[in-house]
Amino acid sequence: MPRKKLPDNVWDEVMQLGLTDTEATEEFARRGIEVRRQAVTQRRIREGIPRVVKPRRVNPGTMPMPWRVHDRHRTREAATAVTTYLKIEAGQAVTKEQRAALTRVRAHLRRVKGVLTYDPDTYEGWFIVPPREGIDGPVFRDPTVP
């Protein structure tokens, strides 16, 4: 059996810190244990430890996308509309095409009296649902409110 580079006691201590795989690799290096991120990832998976996901860094003055959007759903018009809406709210510049796409989506949402919501576990991803009075914005449902 191959020799373990990560002693169990150190591994347990570092995993208790709730670090991402990259951060855990850096922590091991600070403790004098040279290991690659892939080795940390493989051991975490093998031991059934859930992956730590940290929110994306956001430039000051911008709002992050309120969901972690799956790659297959990023190119949907709904994703573009939500991103454009958030950019406008944050005072960032958007192109004419982005503004036109947002206008189309908002007009459709007004016609059907709905807002967008997202479910990454479905094939479609994006859905139109009835807005909750006083909670949801004009374009998307607030995912932080149950």
N, C-alpha and C. Protein backbone atom coordinates (compact mmCIF):
# COMPACT_ATOMS: atom_id res chain seq x y z
N MET A 1 0.85 -1.18 0.00
CA MET A 1 0.00 0.00 0.00
C MET A 1 0.90 1.24 0.00
N PRO A 2 0.56 2.26 -0.83
CA PRO A 2 1.41 3.45 -0.89
C PRO A 2 1.37 4.23 0.43
N ARG A 3 2.47 4.89 0.70
CA ARG A 3 2.60 5.69 1.92
C ARG A 3 1.69 6.92 1.82
N LYS A 4 0.99 7.25 2.91
CA LYS A 4 0.13 8.42 2.94
C LYS A 4 0.99 9.66 3.16
N LYS A 5 0.79 10.65 2.30
CA LYS A 5 1.49 11.91 2.50
C LYS A 5 0.77 12.78 3.52
N LEU A 6 -0.51 12.54 3.68
CA LEU A 6 -1.31 13.34 4.59
C LEU A 6 -1.62 12.54 5.84
N PRO A 7 -0.91 12.79 6.92
CA PRO A 7 -1.19 12.07 8.17
C PRO A 7 -2.64 12.33 8.60
N ASP A 8 -3.28 11.29 9.13
CA ASP A 8 -4.69 11.38 9.49
C ASP A 8 -4.98 12.51 10.47
N ASN A 9 -4.11 12.70 11.47
CA ASN A 9 -4.39 13.74 12.46
C ASN A 9 -4.35 15.14 11.83
N VAL A 10 -3.40 15.37 10.94
CA VAL A 10 -3.31 16.68 10.27
C VAL A 10 -4.49 16.83 9.30
N TRP A 11 -4.80 15.75 8.58
CA TRP A 11 -5.93 15.78 7.63
C TRP A 11 -7.22 16.17 8.37
N ASP A 12 -7.47 15.53 9.51
CA ASP A 12 -8.69 15.81 10.27
C ASP A 12 -8.73 17.27 10.73
N GLU A 13 -7.59 17.77 11.21
CA GLU A 13 -7.53 19.17 11.67
C GLU A 13 -7.85 20.14 10.53
N VAL A 14 -7.24 19.91 9.37
CA VAL A 14 -7.42 20.82 8.24
C VAL A 14 -8.86 20.73 7.70
N MET A 15 -9.43 19.53 7.66
CA MET A 15 -10.80 19.38 7.17
C MET A 15 -11.80 20.08 8.10
N GLN A 16 -11.48 20.16 9.39
CA GLN A 16 -12.36 20.83 10.35
C GLN A 16 -12.40 22.34 10.12
N LEU A 17 -11.42 22.88 9.38
CA LEU A 17 -11.37 24.32 9.14
C LEU A 17 -12.37 24.77 8.08
N GLY A 18 -12.94 23.83 7.31
CA GLY A 18 -13.93 24.17 6.29
C GLY A 18 -13.34 24.92 5.11
N LEU A 19 -12.17 24.47 4.65
CA LEU A 19 -11.48 25.14 3.56
C LEU A 19 -11.80 24.48 2.21
N THR A 20 -11.65 25.24 1.14
CA THR A 20 -11.74 24.66 -0.19
C THR A 20 -10.53 23.77 -0.39
N ASP A 21 -10.54 22.96 -1.46
CA ASP A 21 -9.40 22.06 -1.70
C ASP A 21 -8.11 22.87 -1.91
N THR A 22 -8.20 23.98 -2.62
CA THR A 22 -7.02 24.82 -2.86
C THR A 22 -6.52 25.42 -1.55
N GLU A 23 -7.43 25.92 -0.73
CA GLU A 23 -7.04 26.49 0.55
C GLU A 23 -6.45 25.42 1.47
N ALA A 24 -7.01 24.20 1.42
CA ALA A 24 -6.48 23.10 2.23
C ALA A 24 -5.06 22.76 1.80
N THR A 25 -4.81 22.78 0.48
CA THR A 25 -3.47 22.51 -0.04
C THR A 25 -2.48 23.54 0.50
N GLU A 26 -2.91 24.81 0.51
CA GLU A 26 -2.06 25.88 1.03
C GLU A 26 -1.81 25.70 2.54
N GLU A 27 -2.84 25.26 3.26
CA GLU A 27 -2.69 25.04 4.70
C GLU A 27 -1.71 23.90 4.97
N PHE A 28 -1.79 22.82 4.18
CA PHE A 28 -0.84 21.72 4.33
C PHE A 28 0.59 22.23 4.08
N ALA A 29 0.75 23.08 3.07
CA ALA A 29 2.09 23.62 2.76
C ALA A 29 2.61 24.44 3.95
N ARG A 30 1.72 25.24 4.59
CA ARG A 30 2.13 26.01 5.77
C ARG A 30 2.58 25.10 6.90
N ARG A 31 2.03 23.89 6.94
CA ARG A 31 2.39 22.93 7.98
C ARG A 31 3.55 22.03 7.55
N GLY A 32 4.15 22.34 6.40
CA GLY A 32 5.32 21.60 5.94
C GLY A 32 5.02 20.32 5.18
N ILE A 33 3.80 20.16 4.73
CA ILE A 33 3.42 18.95 3.97
C ILE A 33 3.12 19.37 2.53
N GLU A 34 3.98 18.95 1.62
CA GLU A 34 3.79 19.29 0.22
C GLU A 34 2.85 18.27 -0.43
N VAL A 35 1.74 18.75 -0.93
CA VAL A 35 0.75 17.88 -1.57
C VAL A 35 0.04 18.67 -2.65
N ARG A 36 -0.38 17.99 -3.69
CA ARG A 36 -1.09 18.67 -4.78
C ARG A 36 -2.57 18.74 -4.47
N ARG A 37 -3.23 19.74 -5.04
CA ARG A 37 -4.66 19.91 -4.82
C ARG A 37 -5.44 18.68 -5.24
N GLN A 38 -5.02 18.03 -6.33
CA GLN A 38 -5.71 16.85 -6.81
C GLN A 38 -5.71 15.74 -5.76
N ALA A 39 -4.62 15.62 -5.00
CA ALA A 39 -4.55 14.59 -3.96
C ALA A 39 -5.55 14.91 -2.84
N VAL A 40 -5.67 16.19 -2.52
CA VAL A 40 -6.64 16.60 -1.49
C VAL A 40 -8.05 16.29 -1.99
N THR A 41 -8.34 16.64 -3.24
CA THR A 41 -9.66 16.39 -3.82
C THR A 41 -9.98 14.90 -3.83
N GLN A 42 -9.03 14.08 -4.26
CA GLN A 42 -9.27 12.63 -4.33
C GLN A 42 -9.54 12.05 -2.94
N ARG A 43 -8.77 12.47 -1.97
CA ARG A 43 -8.98 11.91 -0.62
C ARG A 43 -10.32 12.39 -0.06
N ARG A 44 -10.66 13.65 -0.30
CA ARG A 44 -11.94 14.17 0.17
C ARG A 44 -13.09 13.36 -0.43
N ILE A 45 -13.03 13.10 -1.73
CA ILE A 45 -14.06 12.32 -2.40
C ILE A 45 -14.10 10.90 -1.86
N ARG A 46 -12.94 10.28 -1.71
CA ARG A 46 -12.85 8.91 -1.22
C ARG A 46 -13.46 8.78 0.18
N GLU A 47 -13.28 9.80 1.01
CA GLU A 47 -13.81 9.77 2.38
C GLU A 47 -15.23 10.30 2.49
N GLY A 48 -15.79 10.74 1.35
CA GLY A 48 -17.18 11.21 1.35
C GLY A 48 -17.38 12.56 2.01
N ILE A 49 -16.33 13.37 2.05
CA ILE A 49 -16.43 14.71 2.64
C ILE A 49 -16.97 15.65 1.58
N PRO A 50 -18.04 16.39 1.87
CA PRO A 50 -18.61 17.28 0.86
C PRO A 50 -17.64 18.40 0.48
N ARG A 51 -17.73 18.81 -0.77
CA ARG A 51 -16.89 19.88 -1.30
C ARG A 51 -17.30 21.21 -0.67
N VAL A 52 -16.32 22.02 -0.32
CA VAL A 52 -16.59 23.36 0.22
C VAL A 52 -16.63 24.32 -0.95
N VAL A 53 -17.74 25.03 -1.08
CA VAL A 53 -17.89 26.01 -2.15
C VAL A 53 -18.05 27.37 -1.51
N LYS A 54 -17.22 28.29 -1.93
CA LYS A 54 -17.29 29.64 -1.38
C LYS A 54 -17.87 30.56 -2.46
N PRO A 55 -18.59 31.60 -2.08
CA PRO A 55 -19.17 32.50 -3.07
C PRO A 55 -18.08 33.15 -3.92
N ARG A 56 -18.45 33.41 -5.16
CA ARG A 56 -17.51 34.08 -6.05
C ARG A 56 -17.22 35.48 -5.53
N ARG A 57 -16.01 35.93 -5.79
CA ARG A 57 -15.69 37.31 -5.43
C ARG A 57 -16.39 38.22 -6.42
N VAL A 58 -16.89 39.32 -5.90
CA VAL A 58 -17.64 40.24 -6.72
C VAL A 58 -16.96 41.60 -6.67
N ASN A 59 -16.87 42.24 -7.80
CA ASN A 59 -16.28 43.58 -7.82
C ASN A 59 -17.14 44.51 -6.98
N PRO A 60 -16.50 45.46 -6.29
CA PRO A 60 -17.29 46.39 -5.48
C PRO A 60 -18.33 47.10 -6.34
N GLY A 61 -19.52 47.27 -5.80
CA GLY A 61 -20.57 47.97 -6.53
C GLY A 61 -21.38 47.06 -7.44
N THR A 62 -21.09 45.77 -7.46
CA THR A 62 -21.89 44.86 -8.28
C THR A 62 -22.63 43.89 -7.39
N MET A 63 -23.68 43.33 -7.94
CA MET A 63 -24.43 42.32 -7.21
C MET A 63 -24.10 40.97 -7.83
N PRO A 64 -23.87 39.94 -7.04
CA PRO A 64 -23.61 38.63 -7.61
C PRO A 64 -24.91 37.99 -8.11
N MET A 65 -24.76 37.07 -9.05
CA MET A 65 -25.90 36.27 -9.48
C MET A 65 -26.39 35.53 -8.24
N PRO A 66 -27.68 35.57 -7.93
CA PRO A 66 -28.16 34.97 -6.69
C PRO A 66 -28.15 33.45 -6.68
N TRP A 67 -27.81 32.82 -7.78
CA TRP A 67 -27.73 31.36 -7.84
C TRP A 67 -26.38 30.98 -8.43
N ARG A 68 -25.92 29.78 -8.14
CA ARG A 68 -24.76 29.21 -8.81
C ARG A 68 -25.33 28.50 -10.03
N VAL A 69 -25.18 29.11 -11.20
CA VAL A 69 -25.83 28.64 -12.42
C VAL A 69 -24.97 27.59 -13.11
N HIS A 70 -25.60 26.46 -13.43
CA HIS A 70 -24.92 25.36 -14.12
C HIS A 70 -24.53 25.83 -15.52
N ASP A 71 -23.39 25.35 -16.03
CA ASP A 71 -22.89 25.76 -17.34
C ASP A 71 -23.93 25.62 -18.44
N ARG A 72 -24.71 24.53 -18.42
CA ARG A 72 -25.67 24.31 -19.50
C ARG A 72 -26.82 25.32 -19.48
N HIS A 73 -26.97 26.07 -18.39
CA HIS A 73 -28.05 27.05 -18.28
C HIS A 73 -27.57 28.49 -18.45
N ARG A 74 -26.27 28.70 -18.58
CA ARG A 74 -25.73 30.07 -18.63
C ARG A 74 -26.11 30.83 -19.90
N THR A 75 -26.30 30.13 -20.99
CA THR A 75 -26.57 30.81 -22.25
C THR A 75 -28.06 31.06 -22.48
N ARG A 76 -28.89 30.65 -21.58
CA ARG A 76 -30.33 30.88 -21.72
C ARG A 76 -30.62 32.37 -21.61
N GLU A 77 -31.66 32.80 -22.30
CA GLU A 77 -32.02 34.21 -22.29
C GLU A 77 -32.35 34.68 -20.87
N ALA A 78 -32.91 33.80 -20.06
CA ALA A 78 -33.23 34.17 -18.68
C ALA A 78 -31.97 34.53 -17.90
N ALA A 79 -30.91 33.74 -18.06
CA ALA A 79 -29.65 34.02 -17.36
C ALA A 79 -29.09 35.37 -17.80
N THR A 80 -29.15 35.62 -19.08
CA THR A 80 -28.66 36.90 -19.61
C THR A 80 -29.49 38.05 -19.05
N ALA A 81 -30.80 37.87 -18.98
CA ALA A 81 -31.68 38.93 -18.46
C ALA A 81 -31.37 39.23 -17.00
N VAL A 82 -31.20 38.19 -16.18
CA VAL A 82 -30.90 38.40 -14.76
C VAL A 82 -29.56 39.10 -14.61
N THR A 83 -28.55 38.65 -15.35
CA THR A 83 -27.22 39.26 -15.28
C THR A 83 -27.28 40.72 -15.70
N THR A 84 -27.99 41.01 -16.80
CA THR A 84 -28.11 42.38 -17.29
C THR A 84 -28.83 43.25 -16.27
N TYR A 85 -29.92 42.74 -15.70
CA TYR A 85 -30.66 43.48 -14.69
C TYR A 85 -29.75 43.83 -13.51
N LEU A 86 -28.97 42.86 -13.04
CA LEU A 86 -28.07 43.10 -11.91
C LEU A 86 -26.99 44.12 -12.26
N LYS A 87 -26.49 44.07 -13.49
CA LYS A 87 -25.49 45.06 -13.91
C LYS A 87 -26.08 46.46 -13.93
N ILE A 88 -27.29 46.59 -14.46
CA ILE A 88 -27.94 47.91 -14.49
C ILE A 88 -28.18 48.42 -13.08
N GLU A 89 -28.66 47.54 -12.19
CA GLU A 89 -28.90 47.92 -10.79
C GLU A 89 -27.60 48.38 -10.11
N ALA A 90 -26.48 47.79 -10.52
CA ALA A 90 -25.19 48.14 -9.91
C ALA A 90 -24.54 49.34 -10.60
N GLY A 91 -25.20 49.87 -11.63
CA GLY A 91 -24.67 51.05 -12.32
C GLY A 91 -23.61 50.74 -13.35
N GLN A 92 -23.51 49.49 -13.76
CA GLN A 92 -22.53 49.12 -14.79
C GLN A 92 -23.11 49.33 -16.18
N ALA A 93 -22.22 49.50 -17.13
CA ALA A 93 -22.65 49.69 -18.52
C ALA A 93 -23.06 48.35 -19.13
N VAL A 94 -24.09 48.39 -19.95
CA VAL A 94 -24.53 47.20 -20.70
C VAL A 94 -24.68 47.60 -22.16
N THR A 95 -24.58 46.62 -23.05
CA THR A 95 -24.70 46.89 -24.48
C THR A 95 -26.16 47.08 -24.87
N LYS A 96 -26.38 47.62 -26.07
CA LYS A 96 -27.75 47.77 -26.58
C LYS A 96 -28.43 46.43 -26.70
N GLU A 97 -27.66 45.42 -27.13
CA GLU A 97 -28.24 44.09 -27.30
C GLU A 97 -28.68 43.50 -25.96
N GLN A 98 -27.86 43.69 -24.93
CA GLN A 98 -28.22 43.19 -23.60
C GLN A 98 -29.48 43.90 -23.08
N ARG A 99 -29.52 45.23 -23.28
CA ARG A 99 -30.67 45.99 -22.81
C ARG A 99 -31.94 45.57 -23.57
N ALA A 100 -31.80 45.31 -24.88
CA ALA A 100 -32.95 44.88 -25.68
C ALA A 100 -33.45 43.51 -25.22
N ALA A 101 -32.52 42.59 -24.92
CA ALA A 101 -32.91 41.26 -24.45
C ALA A 101 -33.63 41.37 -23.11
N LEU A 102 -33.13 42.21 -22.22
CA LEU A 102 -33.78 42.41 -20.92
C LEU A 102 -35.17 43.00 -21.12
N THR A 103 -35.31 43.93 -22.01
CA THR A 103 -36.62 44.54 -22.29
C THR A 103 -37.61 43.49 -22.78
N ARG A 104 -37.16 42.60 -23.67
CA ARG A 104 -38.04 41.52 -24.17
C ARG A 104 -38.48 40.61 -23.02
N VAL A 105 -37.53 40.22 -22.18
CA VAL A 105 -37.86 39.32 -21.08
C VAL A 105 -38.80 40.00 -20.09
N ARG A 106 -38.54 41.26 -19.78
CA ARG A 106 -39.41 41.97 -18.82
C ARG A 106 -40.81 42.13 -19.37
N ALA A 107 -40.94 42.40 -20.68
CA ALA A 107 -42.26 42.52 -21.30
C ALA A 107 -43.01 41.19 -21.20
N HIS A 108 -42.31 40.10 -21.46
CA HIS A 108 -42.93 38.77 -21.36
C HIS A 108 -43.35 38.49 -19.92
N LEU A 109 -42.48 38.80 -18.96
CA LEU A 109 -42.81 38.57 -17.55
C LEU A 109 -44.03 39.39 -17.12
N ARG A 110 -44.15 40.62 -17.62
CA ARG A 110 -45.33 41.44 -17.30
C ARG A 110 -46.59 40.82 -17.89
N ARG A 111 -46.49 40.31 -19.15
CA ARG A 111 -47.65 39.70 -19.81
C ARG A 111 -48.15 38.48 -19.04
N VAL A 112 -47.22 37.65 -18.58
CA VAL A 112 -47.62 36.42 -17.89
C VAL A 112 -47.73 36.60 -16.37
N LYS A 113 -47.46 37.84 -15.91
CA LYS A 113 -47.51 38.16 -14.47
C LYS A 113 -46.64 37.19 -13.67
N GLY A 114 -45.34 37.14 -14.03
CA GLY A 114 -44.43 36.24 -13.35
C GLY A 114 -43.04 36.82 -13.19
N VAL A 115 -42.19 36.08 -12.50
CA VAL A 115 -40.78 36.39 -12.34
C VAL A 115 -39.99 35.11 -12.59
N LEU A 116 -38.71 35.27 -12.84
CA LEU A 116 -37.85 34.11 -13.10
C LEU A 116 -37.35 33.49 -11.80
N THR A 117 -37.19 32.19 -11.81
CA THR A 117 -36.53 31.49 -10.74
C THR A 117 -35.66 30.41 -11.37
N TYR A 118 -34.75 29.85 -10.58
CA TYR A 118 -33.78 28.91 -11.13
C TYR A 118 -33.71 27.65 -10.29
N ASP A 119 -33.64 26.49 -10.97
CA ASP A 119 -33.45 25.21 -10.30
C ASP A 119 -32.37 24.45 -11.08
N PRO A 120 -31.15 24.36 -10.54
CA PRO A 120 -30.06 23.72 -11.28
C PRO A 120 -30.24 22.23 -11.51
N ASP A 121 -31.13 21.60 -10.76
CA ASP A 121 -31.30 20.15 -10.85
C ASP A 121 -32.28 19.72 -11.94
N THR A 122 -32.80 20.68 -12.69
CA THR A 122 -33.73 20.34 -13.76
C THR A 122 -33.08 20.56 -15.12
N TYR A 123 -33.66 19.97 -16.15
CA TYR A 123 -33.11 20.13 -17.50
C TYR A 123 -33.22 21.58 -17.97
N GLU A 124 -34.39 22.17 -17.79
CA GLU A 124 -34.62 23.54 -18.26
C GLU A 124 -33.85 24.57 -17.44
N GLY A 125 -33.85 24.40 -16.13
CA GLY A 125 -33.12 25.32 -15.26
C GLY A 125 -33.94 26.53 -14.84
N TRP A 126 -34.41 27.29 -15.81
CA TRP A 126 -35.12 28.54 -15.55
C TRP A 126 -36.63 28.33 -15.67
N PHE A 127 -37.39 28.95 -14.75
CA PHE A 127 -38.84 28.85 -14.75
C PHE A 127 -39.46 30.20 -14.44
N ILE A 128 -40.68 30.38 -14.91
CA ILE A 128 -41.45 31.57 -14.55
C ILE A 128 -42.44 31.16 -13.48
N VAL A 129 -42.44 31.90 -12.39
CA VAL A 129 -43.33 31.61 -11.27
C VAL A 129 -44.06 32.90 -10.87
N PRO A 130 -45.18 32.79 -10.17
CA PRO A 130 -45.88 34.00 -9.71
C PRO A 130 -45.01 34.77 -8.71
N PRO A 131 -44.98 36.10 -8.82
CA PRO A 131 -44.17 36.87 -7.86
C PRO A 131 -44.84 36.90 -6.48
N ARG A 132 -44.00 36.98 -5.46
CA ARG A 132 -44.50 37.12 -4.09
C ARG A 132 -44.52 38.62 -3.78
N GLU A 133 -45.69 39.11 -3.45
CA GLU A 133 -45.90 40.54 -3.22
C GLU A 133 -44.95 41.07 -2.14
N GLY A 134 -44.20 42.10 -2.47
CA GLY A 134 -43.31 42.74 -1.52
C GLY A 134 -42.00 42.01 -1.28
N ILE A 135 -41.79 40.86 -1.95
CA ILE A 135 -40.57 40.09 -1.73
C ILE A 135 -39.72 40.04 -2.99
N ASP A 136 -40.33 39.65 -4.10
CA ASP A 136 -39.58 39.45 -5.34
C ASP A 136 -39.43 40.74 -6.13
N GLY A 137 -38.34 40.82 -6.89
CA GLY A 137 -38.09 41.97 -7.74
C GLY A 137 -38.87 41.87 -9.05
N PRO A 138 -38.64 42.80 -9.96
CA PRO A 138 -39.38 42.79 -11.22
C PRO A 138 -38.93 41.72 -12.21
N VAL A 139 -37.74 41.13 -11.98
CA VAL A 139 -37.22 40.16 -12.95
C VAL A 139 -37.10 38.77 -12.35
N PHE A 140 -36.61 38.65 -11.12
CA PHE A 140 -36.39 37.30 -10.59
C PHE A 140 -36.85 37.18 -9.14
N ARG A 141 -37.13 35.92 -8.78
CA ARG A 141 -37.55 35.59 -7.41
C ARG A 141 -36.33 35.66 -6.49
N ASP A 142 -36.53 36.22 -5.32
CA ASP A 142 -35.46 36.32 -4.33
C ASP A 142 -35.21 34.94 -3.72
N PRO A 143 -34.08 34.29 -4.03
CA PRO A 143 -33.85 32.94 -3.53
C PRO A 143 -33.49 32.89 -2.05
N THR A 144 -33.23 34.03 -1.44
CA THR A 144 -32.86 34.02 -0.03
C THR A 144 -34.07 33.97 0.90
N VAL A 145 -35.28 34.19 0.33
CA VAL A 145 -36.50 34.15 1.12
C VAL A 145 -37.25 32.87 0.79
N PRO A 146 -37.51 32.02 1.80
CA PRO A 146 -38.20 30.74 1.52
C PRO A 146 -39.63 30.94 1.08
